[in-house]
Protein backbone atom coordinates (compact mmCIF):
# COMPACT_ATOMS: atom_id res chain seq x y z
CA MET A 1 -33.23 4.39 7.28
CA LEU A 2 -29.48 2.98 7.43
CA ARG A 3 -28.48 0.13 9.71
CA ILE A 4 -24.74 -0.70 10.19
CA GLU A 5 -23.28 -4.27 10.99
CA ASP A 6 -19.71 -4.46 12.50
CA LEU A 7 -18.39 -7.65 10.65
CA ALA A 8 -15.46 -9.67 11.78
CA VAL A 9 -14.77 -10.82 7.98
CA PRO A 10 -15.29 -9.28 4.49
CA PRO A 11 -18.90 -10.15 3.06
CA GLU A 12 -19.09 -11.93 -0.06
CA GLY A 13 -18.43 -9.85 -3.17
CA PHE A 14 -16.45 -7.48 -1.29
CA LEU A 15 -14.21 -5.41 -3.76
CA HIS A 16 -14.57 -8.30 -6.13
CA ASP A 17 -13.27 -6.58 -9.17
CA GLU A 18 -9.95 -5.47 -7.31
CA PRO A 19 -6.73 -7.24 -7.13
CA GLU A 20 -6.66 -6.45 -3.58
CA GLY A 21 -10.16 -7.64 -2.65
CA ALA A 22 -11.75 -9.68 0.08
CA GLU A 23 -9.28 -12.64 0.10
CA TYR A 24 -6.30 -9.88 0.33
CA TYR A 25 -8.00 -8.14 3.21
CA HIS A 26 -8.70 -11.39 4.92
CA ALA A 27 -5.34 -12.57 4.38
CA VAL A 28 -3.73 -9.32 5.98
CA GLN A 29 -6.13 -9.61 8.75
CA MET A 30 -4.96 -12.95 9.62
CA ALA A 31 -1.31 -12.30 9.38
CA GLY A 32 -1.13 -11.27 13.18
CA MET A 33 0.39 -7.82 12.83
CA ASP A 34 1.18 -6.29 16.30
CA ASP A 35 -0.95 -3.75 17.18
CA PHE A 36 -3.75 -3.99 14.59
CA ARG A 37 -7.47 -4.94 14.78
CA PHE A 38 -9.68 -5.32 11.49
CA GLY A 39 -13.24 -5.28 10.83
CA TYR A 40 -15.76 -4.25 8.26
CA PHE A 41 -18.61 -2.06 8.34
CA ALA A 42 -21.55 -3.08 6.05
CA VAL A 43 -24.35 -0.83 5.89
CA TYR A 44 -27.78 -1.73 4.73
CA ARG A 45 -30.55 0.85 3.62
CA ALA A 46 -34.06 -1.08 3.62
CA ASP A 47 -32.35 -4.53 4.54
CA ARG A 48 -30.13 -4.05 1.37
CA LEU A 49 -26.53 -3.89 1.58
CA VAL A 50 -25.38 -0.74 0.03
CA THR A 51 -21.65 0.09 1.32
CA VAL A 52 -18.90 -1.78 2.90
CA ALA A 53 -16.12 0.01 4.57
CA PRO A 54 -13.05 -1.88 5.78
CA TYR A 55 -11.26 -0.47 9.10
CA PHE A 56 -8.42 -0.99 11.40
CA VAL A 57 -7.61 0.07 14.67
CA MET A 58 -4.12 0.84 16.18
CA ASN A 59 -1.93 2.97 18.43
CA PHE A 60 -0.98 5.93 15.95
CA ARG A 61 2.11 8.10 16.87
CA LEU A 62 1.68 11.78 15.35
CA ASN A 63 5.26 11.74 14.38
CA THR A 64 4.82 8.92 12.15
CA LEU A 65 4.88 10.57 8.58
CA LEU A 66 8.07 12.89 9.57
CA PRO A 67 11.59 12.29 8.67
CA ASN A 68 14.05 11.16 11.20
CA GLY A 69 15.25 14.22 13.16
CA TRP A 70 14.55 16.38 16.28
CA LEU A 71 10.86 17.07 15.28
CA LYS A 72 10.17 13.56 14.96
CA ARG A 73 11.72 12.81 18.23
CA SER A 74 10.06 15.58 20.01
CA LEU A 75 6.82 14.61 18.92
CA SER A 76 7.14 10.69 19.66
CA TRP A 77 5.31 11.06 22.81
CA ILE A 78 1.83 12.07 21.19
CA ARG A 79 -0.11 9.30 20.26
CA PHE A 80 -3.76 8.37 19.83
CA LYS A 81 -5.89 5.42 19.51
CA LEU A 82 -6.53 5.50 15.54
CA ALA A 83 -9.61 4.22 14.03
CA CYS A 84 -9.29 4.19 10.32
CA ILE A 85 -10.94 3.30 7.15
CA GLY A 86 -8.98 1.47 4.66
CA ASN A 87 -6.10 -0.96 5.07
CA PRO A 88 -2.73 -0.55 6.31
CA THR A 89 -1.01 -2.48 3.39
CA ALA A 90 -2.94 -0.87 0.45
CA ASP A 91 -1.58 2.29 -1.07
CA MET A 92 -5.18 3.09 -2.26
CA GLY A 93 -8.03 3.26 -0.02
CA ARG A 94 -11.22 1.58 -1.04
CA ILE A 95 -15.13 1.61 0.02
CA HIS A 96 -17.28 -1.06 -1.60
CA GLY A 97 -20.57 0.65 -2.73
CA ASP A 98 -22.07 4.04 -2.06
CA ALA A 99 -19.93 6.91 -0.23
CA CYS A 100 -22.17 9.67 0.10
CA VAL A 101 -22.26 12.02 3.00
CA GLU A 102 -25.37 10.48 4.88
CA ILE A 103 -23.73 6.96 4.62
CA LEU A 104 -20.03 8.24 5.63
CA SER A 105 -21.47 10.29 8.42
CA ALA A 106 -23.23 6.86 10.00
CA ILE A 107 -20.10 5.12 9.39
CA ASN A 108 -18.04 7.93 11.38
CA GLY A 109 -20.37 7.44 14.37
CA GLU A 110 -19.64 3.78 14.41
CA LEU A 111 -15.92 4.55 13.98
CA ALA A 112 -16.01 7.06 16.94
CA LYS A 113 -16.45 3.86 19.15
CA LYS A 114 -13.24 2.27 18.29
CA GLY A 115 -10.86 5.15 18.67
CA SER A 116 -10.35 9.24 19.53
CA LEU A 117 -8.71 9.87 16.04
CA LEU A 118 -10.55 9.08 13.06
CA ALA A 119 -9.16 8.46 9.80
CA TYR A 120 -9.60 7.46 6.29
CA LYS A 121 -6.29 6.17 4.32
CA GLY A 122 -5.30 6.83 0.71
CA PHE A 123 -8.58 8.18 -0.73
CA ALA A 124 -9.39 10.92 -3.40
CA GLN A 125 -9.42 14.67 -2.56
CA ASN A 126 -13.37 14.80 -2.93
CA LEU A 127 -14.33 12.40 -0.36
CA PRO A 128 -17.45 14.06 1.40
CA LEU A 129 -16.02 14.50 4.88
CA PRO A 130 -16.71 17.91 5.83
CA ASP A 131 -15.63 17.71 9.34
CA PHE A 132 -12.35 16.19 8.82
CA VAL A 133 -8.85 17.67 8.33
CA PRO A 134 -7.66 16.66 4.91
CA ALA A 135 -3.95 16.01 4.59
CA ILE A 136 -2.11 15.03 1.46
CA GLY A 137 -0.80 11.33 1.29
CA LEU A 138 1.82 9.51 -0.52
CA PRO A 139 0.93 9.51 -4.43
CA VAL A 140 0.76 6.37 -6.01
CA PRO A 141 2.82 5.66 -9.35
CA VAL A 142 0.60 3.82 -11.83
CA LEU A 143 2.12 2.74 -15.47
CA ALA A 144 0.06 2.14 -18.52
CA LEU A 145 1.24 -1.10 -20.16
CA GLY A 146 0.77 -2.59 -23.50
CA PRO A 147 2.78 -4.58 -26.21
CA ASP A 148 4.17 -1.03 -27.30
CA TYR A 149 5.34 0.01 -24.02
CA TYR A 150 9.11 0.10 -25.11
CA GLN A 151 8.84 1.10 -28.50
CA SER A 152 6.61 4.20 -27.27
CA MET A 153 9.45 5.03 -25.08
CA LYS A 154 11.93 7.88 -25.93
CA SER A 155 15.20 5.95 -27.23
CA ASP A 156 17.20 7.58 -24.48
CA ARG A 157 15.21 6.24 -21.90
CA ARG A 158 14.69 2.62 -23.64
CA ASN A 159 18.74 2.61 -23.86
CA LEU A 160 18.95 3.59 -20.15
CA LEU A 161 16.75 0.78 -19.15
CA LYS A 162 18.73 -1.75 -21.46
CA ARG A 163 21.94 -0.78 -19.44
CA LYS A 164 20.53 -0.99 -16.20
CA LEU A 165 19.11 -4.54 -17.07
CA LYS A 166 22.18 -5.61 -18.66
CA LYS A 167 23.94 -4.72 -15.13
CA SER A 168 22.07 -7.73 -13.80
CA ALA A 169 23.19 -10.27 -16.28
CA ALA A 170 24.84 -12.23 -13.29
CA LEU A 171 21.68 -12.92 -11.89
CA ARG A 172 19.33 -15.89 -12.13
CA TYR A 173 15.88 -14.73 -12.61
CA GLU A 174 12.79 -17.01 -11.75
CA GLU A 175 8.80 -16.54 -11.78
CA CYS A 176 6.73 -18.21 -9.35
CA ALA A 177 2.95 -18.69 -9.02
CA GLY A 178 2.82 -18.24 -5.16
CA LEU A 179 5.71 -18.57 -2.83
CA PRO A 180 7.53 -21.78 -2.24
CA GLU A 181 7.46 -22.91 1.36
CA ASN A 182 11.19 -23.28 1.66
CA LEU A 183 11.61 -19.79 0.76
CA VAL A 184 9.45 -17.97 3.34
CA ALA A 185 11.71 -17.22 5.94
CA LYS A 186 14.47 -15.91 3.33
CA VAL A 187 11.78 -13.74 1.56
CA TYR A 188 10.91 -12.21 4.97
CA GLN A 189 14.77 -11.68 5.75
CA LEU A 190 14.90 -9.66 2.66
CA TYR A 191 11.46 -7.68 3.34
CA LEU A 192 12.90 -6.84 6.75
CA ASN A 193 15.96 -5.15 4.99
CA THR A 194 13.52 -2.64 3.12
CA TYR A 195 11.73 -2.35 5.98
CA HIS A 196 14.49 -1.26 8.24
CA LYS A 197 15.71 0.91 5.57
CA ALA A 198 12.69 2.92 4.79
CA GLU A 199 12.34 6.41 6.26
CA LEU A 200 8.42 5.85 6.55
CA LYS A 201 7.18 2.84 8.73
CA PHE A 202 3.68 2.36 9.27
CA GLU A 203 2.85 -1.53 9.08
CA LYS A 204 5.18 -4.45 10.00
CA LEU A 205 4.49 -7.67 8.07
CA THR A 206 4.90 -10.94 9.69
CA PRO A 207 6.11 -14.17 7.89
CA GLU A 208 2.38 -15.03 8.18
CA TYR A 209 1.44 -12.37 5.52
CA PHE A 210 3.69 -14.18 2.86
CA VAL A 211 2.07 -17.20 3.71
CA ASN A 212 -1.38 -16.12 3.89
CA THR A 213 -1.14 -14.20 0.24
CA SER A 214 0.96 -16.75 -1.41
CA ALA A 215 -1.92 -18.07 -3.40
CA LEU A 216 -2.94 -14.80 -4.53
CA SER A 217 0.42 -13.79 -5.68
CA HIS A 218 3.25 -14.31 -8.35
CA TYR A 219 7.02 -13.78 -7.15
CA LEU A 220 9.74 -12.79 -9.33
CA LEU A 221 12.90 -14.02 -7.62
CA PHE A 222 16.38 -13.06 -8.05
CA PHE A 223 19.39 -15.17 -7.21
CA LEU A 224 22.98 -14.63 -7.20
CA GLU A 225 24.39 -18.20 -7.74
CA ASP A 226 22.45 -20.27 -5.40
CA GLU A 227 21.46 -17.30 -2.84
CA LEU A 228 18.02 -15.43 -3.30
CA ILE A 229 19.21 -11.88 -2.98
CA GLY A 230 15.87 -10.14 -4.09
CA PHE A 231 12.09 -10.76 -4.54
CA THR A 232 8.87 -8.92 -5.78
CA GLN A 233 5.38 -9.75 -4.72
CA LEU A 234 2.85 -9.06 -7.51
CA ILE A 235 -0.97 -9.27 -7.16
CA GLY A 236 -3.00 -9.04 -10.30
CA LYS A 237 -6.75 -9.28 -11.38
CA GLY A 238 -8.46 -8.17 -14.71
CA HIS A 239 -6.38 -5.40 -16.19
CA GLN A 240 -4.83 -4.30 -12.93
CA LEU A 241 -1.39 -5.75 -11.39
CA VAL A 242 0.19 -4.35 -8.09
CA ASN A 243 3.40 -4.31 -7.27
CA ARG A 244 2.72 -4.99 -3.25
CA TYR A 245 6.24 -5.70 -1.78
CA ILE A 246 9.89 -6.00 -2.63
CA GLY A 247 12.89 -7.40 -0.59
CA LEU A 248 16.48 -7.08 -1.36
CA ASP A 249 20.01 -7.76 0.11
CA TYR A 250 21.48 -4.14 0.05
CA GLY A 251 25.09 -5.53 0.26
CA LYS A 252 24.91 -7.33 -3.20
CA SER A 253 22.13 -5.24 -4.95
CA ASN A 254 24.10 -2.07 -6.17
CA ASP A 255 26.85 -4.51 -7.85
CA HIS A 256 24.30 -6.18 -9.75
CA GLY A 257 21.42 -3.36 -10.49
CA LEU A 258 18.96 -5.74 -8.51
CA TYR A 259 16.82 -2.81 -7.70
CA PHE A 260 16.07 -1.52 -11.22
CA ALA A 261 15.88 -5.20 -12.74
CA MET A 262 13.08 -6.08 -10.20
CA PHE A 263 10.92 -3.13 -11.50
CA ILE A 264 11.84 -3.84 -15.22
CA ARG A 265 11.16 -7.53 -14.75
CA ALA A 266 7.69 -6.51 -13.37
CA ILE A 267 6.90 -4.36 -16.13
CA ASP A 268 7.75 -7.48 -18.61
CA PHE A 269 5.72 -9.69 -16.45
CA GLY A 270 2.66 -7.46 -16.68
CA ILE A 271 2.96 -6.97 -20.61
CA ARG A 272 3.42 -10.70 -21.15
CA GLU A 273 0.31 -11.40 -18.99
CA GLY A 274 -1.83 -8.71 -20.69
CA PHE A 275 -2.44 -6.45 -17.91
CA ALA A 276 -3.55 -2.84 -18.74
CA GLU A 277 -1.70 -1.22 -15.89
CA ILE A 278 0.52 -1.43 -13.00
CA GLU A 279 0.85 0.20 -9.57
CA LEU A 280 4.42 0.44 -8.79
CA GLY A 281 4.29 1.33 -5.07
CA ALA A 282 4.49 4.70 -3.14
CA THR A 283 8.38 5.06 -3.00
CA SER A 284 11.24 6.01 -5.26
CA TYR A 285 9.38 8.32 -7.52
CA GLU A 286 12.16 9.81 -9.77
CA PHE A 287 12.94 6.32 -11.32
CA LYS A 288 9.24 5.38 -11.91
CA ARG A 289 8.76 8.61 -13.37
CA ILE A 290 11.70 7.69 -15.80
CA LEU A 291 9.55 4.50 -16.42
CA GLY A 292 6.73 6.57 -17.51
CA ALA A 293 4.39 6.31 -14.45
CA ARG A 294 1.91 8.85 -13.64
CA GLN A 295 1.42 9.68 -10.20
CA LEU A 296 -2.42 9.25 -8.71
CA PRO A 297 -2.73 11.72 -5.60
CA THR A 298 -4.20 10.39 -2.57
CA TRP A 299 -5.36 12.06 0.52
CA ASN A 300 -5.88 10.97 4.04
CA TYR A 301 -8.44 12.54 6.31
CA TYR A 302 -8.49 12.87 10.26
CA ARG A 303 -10.79 14.05 12.85
CA HIS A 304 -10.26 14.01 16.74
CA THR A 305 -13.39 13.24 18.79
CA THR A 306 -12.47 16.06 20.88
CA PRO A 307 -12.79 19.64 19.63
CA LEU A 308 -9.69 21.24 20.72
CA PHE A 309 -7.70 18.50 19.45
CA ASN A 310 -9.10 18.55 16.25
CA TRP A 311 -8.79 22.13 15.77
CA LEU A 312 -4.79 21.54 16.66
CA LEU A 313 -4.82 18.95 13.88
CA GLY A 314 -5.77 21.44 11.39
CA LYS A 315 -2.75 23.90 12.71
CA LEU A 316 -0.40 20.71 12.54
CA ARG A 317 -1.53 19.34 9.15
CA SER A 318 1.90 19.53 7.89
CA VAL A 319 2.97 17.04 10.33
CA LEU A 320 0.70 14.67 8.97
CA GLU A 321 1.85 15.07 5.33
CA PRO A 322 4.90 13.59 3.74
CA SER A 323 8.35 15.26 3.87
CA GLU A 324 10.04 16.29 0.60
CA SER A 325 12.67 13.53 0.95
CA GLU A 326 9.71 10.90 0.80
CA LEU A 327 8.51 12.32 -2.37
CA ARG A 328 11.81 11.93 -4.27
């Protein structure tokens, strides 16, 4: 017999081995992002906790994953109350514990009380959700690290990275454990630059996000003279490092090779600190392939509580999948 509790905060031990674990999820939850509500389904079997599934609820536009154009504009009126297992800021969806058909079915019963469109974000292809419409998600580039990373690279690629890093020679580079309070406003401004430039927009962070996650993070900071023009937020635990968010001044970045320097420095940091791999973020796939990253596929799953709408979701599955431009 299963029993489910709807918790306001993650229970002790939730995703304890992951860089983005309980502290990270709670920090995101408390960041005050517009239109997001968060919770955790704790599933018990005979009074023993067997599963914890994080969820969020939001108003979801059907055209969210479409590139800018007439189709995106024409579908802008279609929206649903979305109740989703996962986290809006994490590329990989994770459920702590058992995720069998019986447990997911019970979770879905509770999820349906939160919204009309049910979803699972960023999971593997084999998640047992027989009544859901599976849609391809954005792949996550993951790079294996080690002391021989550069030595094992083909010489032409190694020389390419050296040239790109040399272009950033005029920049002053610093590393910080946490984010200094006096830089929060500037970091947020740089983050907004990347947010507004992105073709795909899902969540919009707040300054509180950067404050709340500061203690969990390392920051790579890039200055032109005394002006901060770029940052990278890194979150690591165990053998895993996550390149979570970046921000940059696009008016100055190209002349100084800032974008490339940010990723090369993140790799250097990961190697020096002994991490075995780094998630590089689900964008700019061509450059990340040059770095040697493999792409981990992800899937999103959808089910509408109204059978007719659920049938339509199956017919419109391509609308829910990333465009070709987003996979470059």
